Amino acid sequence: LTEIGPQRAMALLSNYFLFHTPTITDIYDVRCELEPELAASVAGRLSDDDFERLERTMRVYDAPPSTGEEEYAQRMAELDFHSVLAELCPNPVLGLFCGFLQTLLREMVVCRRIYDAPHPALRDTALHYQIRLMRVLKSGDSEAARAIMAEHMVAARDYMVRMEASIAGRFLRADGGRG
């Protein structure tokens, strides 16, 4: 037996989903449960170097993009922020699962289409949540970290589901059903 790293484990697991493709809703249902716990688990445990890593990802999108490629790179950096948190998680199972969800979001065709679509306000929204989260992570307030991440995941899910419906040419009825 030889040890495999998290990237290899995620690649192997990704193969499974080539034939059992999850929906964006499937992924965000899990993200909405796990990522608040991830945020709470790292609150008060991060080093100055860890905060520097998180801040480096945020710097990629601290200014509005000037090209479509730059905007796509910013969307990937927003996911990188969450991937860094997953790598820093003291619970290896929680960290691996959260990191894997980021991998799925990067690889799914519908997500790539969503990330390719211009949406300038999305950068501001991500920064808003991540700046708030960084403050409470530094203070060690795990309950506030959990609450901010929960709010962020619900907002992200709602956006991604709306965009998925738009790309698929479907419309969501006012009552939430598909029509």
Protein backbone atom coordinates (compact mmCIF):
# COMPACT_ATOMS: atom_id res chain seq x y z
CA LEU A 1 0.00 0.00 0.00
CA THR A 2 1.11 3.54 -0.69
CA GLU A 3 -0.33 6.73 0.64
CA ILE A 4 -2.32 8.86 -1.77
CA GLY A 5 -2.71 12.57 -1.31
CA PRO A 6 -5.97 14.47 -1.14
CA GLN A 7 -5.74 15.60 -4.78
CA ARG A 8 -5.41 12.01 -6.00
CA ALA A 9 -8.26 10.86 -3.74
CA MET A 10 -10.48 13.63 -5.13
CA ALA A 11 -9.54 12.74 -8.70
CA LEU A 12 -10.53 9.12 -8.10
CA LEU A 13 -13.81 10.17 -6.52
CA SER A 14 -14.45 12.56 -9.42
CA ASN A 15 -14.37 9.56 -11.76
CA TYR A 16 -17.41 8.17 -9.99
CA PHE A 17 -19.33 11.35 -10.69
CA LEU A 18 -18.60 11.16 -14.42
CA PHE A 19 -21.38 8.58 -14.52
CA HIS A 20 -23.50 9.88 -11.64
CA THR A 21 -23.49 13.62 -12.23
CA PRO A 22 -24.78 15.58 -9.25
CA THR A 23 -26.81 18.72 -9.72
CA ILE A 24 -25.79 22.09 -8.39
CA THR A 25 -28.56 21.67 -5.82
CA ASP A 26 -27.04 18.34 -4.74
CA ILE A 27 -23.65 19.96 -4.21
CA TYR A 28 -25.00 23.02 -2.42
CA ASP A 29 -27.25 20.95 -0.17
CA VAL A 30 -24.06 19.37 1.16
CA ARG A 31 -22.07 22.62 1.14
CA CYS A 32 -24.79 24.33 3.17
CA GLU A 33 -24.39 21.65 5.84
CA LEU A 34 -20.62 21.16 5.84
CA GLU A 35 -19.02 24.53 5.12
CA PRO A 36 -20.47 26.30 8.17
CA GLU A 37 -18.93 23.50 10.27
CA LEU A 38 -15.67 23.88 8.39
CA ALA A 39 -15.58 27.61 9.15
CA ALA A 40 -16.38 27.00 12.82
CA SER A 41 -13.65 24.35 13.04
CA VAL A 42 -10.86 26.70 11.93
CA ALA A 43 -11.94 29.74 13.95
CA GLY A 44 -9.17 30.73 16.34
CA ARG A 45 -6.83 28.02 14.98
CA LEU A 46 -5.24 29.74 11.99
CA SER A 47 -1.70 31.06 11.94
CA ASP A 48 -0.52 34.31 10.42
CA ASP A 49 0.72 32.28 7.43
CA ASP A 50 -2.72 30.70 7.06
CA PHE A 51 -4.37 34.13 7.01
CA GLU A 52 -1.80 35.27 4.44
CA ARG A 53 -2.77 32.34 2.19
CA LEU A 54 -6.44 33.26 2.46
CA GLU A 55 -5.69 36.93 1.81
CA ARG A 56 -3.65 36.02 -1.30
CA THR A 57 -6.70 34.33 -2.79
CA MET A 58 -8.82 37.40 -2.01
CA ARG A 59 -6.31 39.74 -3.68
CA VAL A 60 -7.06 38.06 -7.01
CA TYR A 61 -10.53 39.59 -6.92
CA ASP A 62 -10.04 42.75 -4.89
CA ALA A 63 -10.51 44.88 -8.03
CA PRO A 64 -13.12 44.60 -10.77
CA PRO A 65 -12.02 42.40 -13.70
CA SER A 66 -11.10 44.03 -16.99
CA THR A 67 -11.57 40.93 -19.17
CA GLY A 68 -13.70 37.81 -19.23
CA GLU A 69 -10.63 35.71 -18.52
CA GLU A 70 -9.85 37.81 -15.48
CA GLU A 71 -13.41 37.43 -14.21
CA TYR A 72 -13.17 33.64 -14.62
CA ALA A 73 -9.87 33.65 -12.72
CA GLN A 74 -11.60 35.60 -9.96
CA ARG A 75 -14.39 32.99 -9.72
CA MET A 76 -11.74 30.28 -9.38
CA ALA A 77 -9.95 32.30 -6.69
CA GLU A 78 -13.23 32.57 -4.77
CA LEU A 79 -13.37 28.77 -4.79
CA ASP A 80 -9.68 28.70 -3.82
CA PHE A 81 -10.57 30.59 -0.64
CA HIS A 82 -12.87 27.74 0.36
CA SER A 83 -10.32 25.13 -0.72
CA VAL A 84 -7.69 26.73 1.52
CA LEU A 85 -10.09 26.58 4.46
CA ALA A 86 -10.66 22.89 3.66
CA GLU A 87 -6.90 22.23 3.64
CA LEU A 88 -6.57 23.95 7.02
CA CYS A 89 -9.43 22.02 8.63
CA PRO A 90 -8.36 20.09 11.73
CA ASN A 91 -10.83 17.32 10.81
CA PRO A 92 -9.35 15.50 7.80
CA VAL A 93 -12.69 13.97 6.77
CA LEU A 94 -14.51 17.31 6.82
CA GLY A 95 -11.61 18.99 5.02
CA LEU A 96 -11.46 16.34 2.29
CA PHE A 97 -15.21 16.41 1.68
CA CYS A 98 -15.35 20.21 1.52
CA GLY A 99 -12.33 20.29 -0.77
CA PHE A 100 -13.94 17.70 -3.00
CA LEU A 101 -17.06 19.83 -3.37
CA GLN A 102 -14.82 22.64 -4.69
CA THR A 103 -13.36 20.17 -7.19
CA LEU A 104 -16.83 19.24 -8.42
CA LEU A 105 -17.76 22.88 -8.87
CA ARG A 106 -14.61 23.49 -10.91
CA GLU A 107 -15.17 20.47 -13.15
CA MET A 108 -18.90 20.45 -13.87
CA VAL A 109 -19.73 21.77 -17.34
CA VAL A 110 -22.74 23.75 -16.13
CA CYS A 111 -20.60 25.42 -13.46
CA ARG A 112 -17.97 26.36 -16.02
CA ARG A 113 -20.71 28.02 -18.07
CA ILE A 114 -21.96 29.87 -15.00
CA TYR A 115 -18.45 31.04 -14.11
CA ASP A 116 -17.91 32.18 -17.73
CA ALA A 117 -20.98 34.46 -17.59
CA PRO A 118 -20.23 38.04 -16.55
CA HIS A 119 -21.63 38.94 -13.17
CA PRO A 120 -19.82 41.96 -11.67
CA ALA A 121 -21.82 42.03 -8.43
CA LEU A 122 -20.72 38.50 -7.59
CA ARG A 123 -17.20 39.65 -6.75
CA ASP A 124 -18.54 42.22 -4.27
CA THR A 125 -20.77 39.61 -2.65
CA ALA A 126 -17.92 37.13 -2.22
CA LEU A 127 -15.63 39.80 -0.77
CA HIS A 128 -18.34 40.92 1.64
CA TYR A 129 -18.76 37.42 3.09
CA GLN A 130 -15.07 36.60 3.11
CA ILE A 131 -14.00 39.84 4.79
CA ARG A 132 -16.61 39.29 7.50
CA LEU A 133 -15.51 35.69 7.86
CA MET A 134 -11.82 36.59 8.14
CA ARG A 135 -12.61 38.97 11.01
CA VAL A 136 -14.41 36.34 13.05
CA LEU A 137 -11.88 33.62 12.22
CA LYS A 138 -9.16 35.89 13.65
CA SER A 139 -11.22 36.58 16.75
CA GLY A 140 -11.87 32.87 17.27
CA ASP A 141 -15.66 33.24 17.26
CA SER A 142 -16.73 29.86 15.90
CA GLU A 143 -20.46 30.57 16.22
CA ALA A 144 -20.17 33.77 14.16
CA ALA A 145 -18.00 31.93 11.61
CA ARG A 146 -20.65 29.23 11.33
CA ALA A 147 -23.42 31.81 10.87
CA ILE A 148 -21.56 33.85 8.24
CA MET A 149 -20.63 30.78 6.23
CA ALA A 150 -24.19 29.45 6.43
CA GLU A 151 -25.51 32.76 5.09
CA HIS A 152 -22.84 32.76 2.36
CA MET A 153 -23.65 29.20 1.26
CA VAL A 154 -27.38 29.89 1.03
CA ALA A 155 -26.72 33.02 -1.08
CA ALA A 156 -24.27 31.10 -3.29
CA ARG A 157 -26.72 28.21 -3.70
CA ASP A 158 -29.56 30.53 -4.67
CA TYR A 159 -27.36 32.28 -7.25
CA MET A 160 -25.98 29.07 -8.75
CA VAL A 161 -29.42 27.43 -8.98
CA ARG A 162 -30.85 30.53 -10.70
CA MET A 163 -27.94 30.59 -13.14
CA GLU A 164 -28.24 26.85 -13.81
CA ALA A 165 -31.92 27.32 -14.63
CA SER A 166 -31.13 30.26 -16.89
CA ILE A 167 -28.43 28.37 -18.77
CA ALA A 168 -30.68 25.35 -19.18
CA GLY A 169 -33.39 27.60 -20.60
CA ARG A 170 -35.71 26.82 -17.75
CA PHE A 171 -37.52 29.33 -15.66
CA LEU A 172 -38.33 29.19 -11.99
CA ARG A 173 -41.91 29.97 -11.16
CA ALA A 174 -42.59 32.52 -8.44
CA ASP A 175 -43.65 29.71 -6.07
CA GLY A 176 -40.23 28.05 -6.46
CA GLY A 177 -41.36 25.22 -8.73
CA ARG A 178 -40.07 24.70 -12.22
CA GLY A 179 -42.28 25.63 -15.05
